[in-house]
Amino acid sequence: MAKSWECDGVPKDEKSYPHQNPPGKHDPYENFGADCVICALPKEAMIGDKSKPPVKAIAAAITGVLTLAVISGYQIWQSQSCRGNKQKIK
């Protein structure tokens, strides 16, 4: 049995499909073929390309790395500036 997929009429790959009929959103419908039986969008429009990571995941990873770099840099700067301010006890 073929694996099912659901179409709601809105392409998830953000491409334009001029052959979509009717264009626009419709009630979600479970499909088993290559195209949606309601609007004729191809399965790839709803599933998307799985080989590319999502943009939100990339943005979150970059934000996390930058945050760690800033925190580490600040801690190193603080440790260096504190060493210079220590007074020698006689």
Protein backbone atom coordinates (compact mmCIF):
# COMPACT_ATOMS: atom_id res chain seq x y z
CA MET A 1 0.00 0.00 0.00
CA ALA A 2 1.26 3.48 -0.90
CA LYS A 3 2.12 5.87 1.88
CA SER A 4 -0.54 8.55 2.31
CA TRP A 5 0.06 12.29 2.41
CA GLU A 6 -2.24 15.19 3.20
CA CYS A 7 -2.92 18.24 1.03
CA ASP A 8 -4.60 21.46 2.15
CA GLY A 9 -4.04 23.38 -1.09
CA VAL A 10 -1.14 25.50 0.21
CA PRO A 11 2.27 24.41 -1.18
CA LYS A 12 4.81 23.88 1.62
CA ASP A 13 7.78 24.38 -0.73
CA GLU A 14 6.68 28.01 -1.38
CA LYS A 15 6.68 27.52 -5.16
CA SER A 16 3.95 28.59 -7.56
CA TYR A 17 1.85 25.94 -9.31
CA PRO A 18 -0.19 27.55 -12.12
CA HIS A 19 -1.96 24.25 -12.93
CA GLN A 20 -3.49 24.09 -9.43
CA ASN A 21 -7.27 23.94 -9.77
CA PRO A 22 -8.90 25.30 -7.69
CA PRO A 23 -6.12 27.59 -6.50
CA GLY A 24 -5.77 28.27 -2.79
CA LYS A 25 -6.57 26.54 0.44
CA HIS A 26 -9.06 23.69 0.77
CA ASP A 27 -10.02 21.30 3.53
CA PRO A 28 -7.18 18.85 4.26
CA TYR A 29 -7.53 15.67 2.21
CA GLU A 30 -5.60 12.40 2.47
CA ASN A 31 -4.05 11.37 -0.85
CA PHE A 32 -2.29 8.20 -1.97
CA GLY A 33 -1.19 9.10 -5.51
CA ALA A 34 1.35 11.51 -6.95
CA ASP A 35 -1.08 14.47 -7.12
CA CYS A 36 -3.88 15.79 -4.91
CA VAL A 37 -7.26 14.63 -6.16
CA ILE A 38 -8.85 17.98 -5.22
CA CYS A 39 -6.39 20.62 -6.49
CA ALA A 40 -3.80 18.61 -8.53
CA LEU A 41 -0.81 19.83 -6.49
CA PRO A 42 2.05 17.33 -6.68
CA LYS A 43 3.06 15.40 -3.58
CA GLU A 44 6.45 17.18 -3.61
CA ALA A 45 4.68 20.53 -3.06
CA MET A 46 3.26 19.28 0.24
CA ILE A 47 6.11 17.08 1.45
CA GLY A 48 8.94 19.39 0.39
CA ASP A 49 12.58 18.51 -0.17
CA LYS A 50 13.77 16.45 2.81
CA SER A 51 17.43 16.80 1.86
CA LYS A 52 17.59 20.45 3.00
CA PRO A 53 17.31 21.31 6.68
CA PRO A 54 14.53 23.75 7.55
CA VAL A 55 15.43 27.44 7.65
CA LYS A 56 14.25 27.77 11.26
CA ALA A 57 16.62 24.99 12.37
CA ILE A 58 19.56 26.69 10.65
CA ALA A 59 18.67 30.06 12.21
CA ALA A 60 18.36 28.48 15.66
CA ALA A 61 21.74 26.77 15.31
CA ILE A 62 23.45 29.99 14.20
CA THR A 63 21.82 31.94 17.05
CA GLY A 64 22.96 29.32 19.56
CA VAL A 65 26.55 29.35 18.32
CA LEU A 66 26.69 33.15 18.35
CA THR A 67 25.23 33.28 21.86
CA LEU A 68 27.82 30.82 23.14
CA ALA A 69 30.60 32.78 21.43
CA VAL A 70 29.47 36.06 23.02
CA ILE A 71 29.16 34.50 26.49
CA SER A 72 32.56 32.80 26.20
CA GLY A 73 34.19 35.98 24.92
CA TYR A 74 32.71 37.99 27.77
CA GLN A 75 33.93 35.48 30.36
CA ILE A 76 37.44 35.50 28.89
CA TRP A 77 37.45 39.31 28.82
CA GLN A 78 36.26 39.44 32.45
CA SER A 79 38.90 36.98 33.61
CA GLN A 80 41.64 38.99 31.85
CA SER A 81 40.48 42.34 33.19
CA CYS A 82 40.16 41.02 36.77
CA ARG A 83 43.77 39.81 36.81
CA GLY A 84 45.09 43.31 36.13
CA ASN A 85 43.11 44.87 38.99
CA LYS A 86 44.39 42.58 41.75
CA GLN A 87 46.59 44.24 44.32
CA LYS A 88 49.62 42.54 45.75
CA ILE A 89 49.44 41.96 49.49
CA LYS A 90 52.70 42.55 51.37
